[in-house]
Amino acid sequence: MPGPGRWRGRVALVTGASAGIGAAVAVELVRCGMKVVGCARDVGRIQVCSEVKIQFLQRVT
């Protein structure tokens, strides 16, 4: 399998991104450098995921 650099800058749409497998996939894709658009039925949970992402990015930069 090619290294994570191959995916850097690409865009992925992840359904069910607020929990479970969808959330895990979204996290791994971000770690590979992808821009991730997450969608889910539960708006509250997806907003929490977005806030966690912002906090994570602030620690990294």
C-alpha atoms as a PDB file:
ATOM      1  CA  MET A   1       0.000   0.000   0.000  1.00  0.00           C
ATOM      2  CA  PRO A   2       1.352   3.442  -0.881  1.00  0.00           C
ATOM      3  CA  GLY A   3       2.453   5.740   1.914  1.00  0.00           C
ATOM      4  CA  PRO A   4       0.163   8.359   3.434  1.00  0.00           C
ATOM      5  CA  GLY A   5       1.746  11.108   1.325  1.00  0.00           C
ATOM      6  CA  ARG A   6      -0.248   9.893  -1.663  1.00  0.00           C
ATOM      7  CA  TRP A   7      -3.467  11.058  -0.009  1.00  0.00           C
ATOM      8  CA  ARG A   8      -2.237  14.454   1.233  1.00  0.00           C
ATOM      9  CA  GLY A   9      -4.460  17.283   0.021  1.00  0.00           C
ATOM     10  CA  ARG A  10      -7.190  15.064  -1.396  1.00  0.00           C
ATOM     11  CA  VAL A  11     -10.806  15.340  -0.252  1.00  0.00           C
ATOM     12  CA  ALA A  12     -12.870  12.522   1.266  1.00  0.00           C
ATOM     13  CA  LEU A  13     -16.550  12.398   2.159  1.00  0.00           C
ATOM     14  CA  VAL A  14     -17.221  10.207   5.197  1.00  0.00           C
ATOM     15  CA  THR A  15     -20.769   9.291   6.121  1.00  0.00           C
ATOM     16  CA  GLY A  16     -21.519   8.401   9.726  1.00  0.00           C
ATOM     17  CA  ALA A  17     -18.523  10.480  10.819  1.00  0.00           C
ATOM     18  CA  SER A  18     -19.870  11.291  14.278  1.00  0.00           C
ATOM     19  CA  ALA A  19     -19.304   7.832  15.813  1.00  0.00           C
ATOM     20  CA  GLY A  20     -18.010   4.314  15.369  1.00  0.00           C
ATOM     21  CA  ILE A  21     -16.332   3.196  12.170  1.00  0.00           C
ATOM     22  CA  GLY A  22     -17.150   6.439  10.358  1.00  0.00           C
ATOM     23  CA  ALA A  23     -15.421   8.502  13.052  1.00  0.00           C
ATOM     24  CA  ALA A  24     -12.388   6.202  13.045  1.00  0.00           C
ATOM     25  CA  VAL A  25     -12.116   6.393   9.256  1.00  0.00           C
ATOM     26  CA  ALA A  26     -12.375  10.194   9.350  1.00  0.00           C
ATOM     27  CA  VAL A  27      -9.577  10.416  11.932  1.00  0.00           C
ATOM     28  CA  GLU A  28      -7.263   8.160   9.927  1.00  0.00           C
ATOM     29  CA  LEU A  29      -7.901  10.073   6.724  1.00  0.00           C
ATOM     30  CA  VAL A  30      -7.040  13.353   8.481  1.00  0.00           C
ATOM     31  CA  ARG A  31      -3.853  11.738   9.782  1.00  0.00           C
ATOM     32  CA  CYS A  32      -2.982  10.875   6.174  1.00  0.00           C
ATOM     33  CA  GLY A  33      -3.276  14.566   5.309  1.00  0.00           C
ATOM     34  CA  MET A  34      -6.668  14.461   3.629  1.00  0.00           C
ATOM     35  CA  LYS A  35      -9.351  17.111   3.882  1.00  0.00           C
ATOM     36  CA  VAL A  36     -12.369  15.314   5.333  1.00  0.00           C
ATOM     37  CA  VAL A  37     -15.993  16.281   4.948  1.00  0.00           C
ATOM     38  CA  GLY A  38     -17.965  14.396   7.574  1.00  0.00           C
ATOM     39  CA  CYS A  39     -21.703  13.979   7.591  1.00  0.00           C
ATOM     40  CA  ALA A  40     -23.999  12.347  10.130  1.00  0.00           C
ATOM     41  CA  ARG A  41     -27.609  12.263  11.238  1.00  0.00           C
ATOM     42  CA  ASP A  42     -26.850  13.634  14.716  1.00  0.00           C
ATOM     43  CA  VAL A  43     -25.913  17.308  14.308  1.00  0.00           C
ATOM     44  CA  GLY A  44     -24.865  17.655  17.952  1.00  0.00           C
ATOM     45  CA  ARG A  45     -22.363  14.812  17.779  1.00  0.00           C
ATOM     46  CA  ILE A  46     -20.839  15.960  14.516  1.00  0.00           C
ATOM     47  CA  GLN A  47     -20.390  19.464  15.980  1.00  0.00           C
ATOM     48  CA  VAL A  48     -18.527  17.963  18.948  1.00  0.00           C
ATOM     49  CA  CYS A  49     -16.249  16.128  16.499  1.00  0.00           C
ATOM     50  CA  SER A  50     -15.607  19.398  14.695  1.00  0.00           C
ATOM     51  CA  GLU A  51     -14.689  21.152  17.952  1.00  0.00           C
ATOM     52  CA  VAL A  52     -12.289  18.349  18.877  1.00  0.00           C
ATOM     53  CA  LYS A  53     -10.665  18.684  15.442  1.00  0.00           C
ATOM     54  CA  ILE A  54     -10.137  22.411  15.968  1.00  0.00           C
ATOM     55  CA  GLN A  55      -8.544  21.811  19.391  1.00  0.00           C
ATOM     56  CA  PHE A  56      -6.299  19.104  17.917  1.00  0.00           C
ATOM     57  CA  LEU A  57      -5.138  21.323  15.064  1.00  0.00           C
ATOM     58  CA  GLN A  58      -4.323  24.160  17.483  1.00  0.00           C
ATOM     59  CA  ARG A  59      -2.054  21.814  19.458  1.00  0.00           C
ATOM     60  CA  VAL A  60      -0.310  20.573  16.329  1.00  0.00           C
ATOM     61  CA  THR A  61       0.506  23.970  14.827  1.00  0.00           C
END
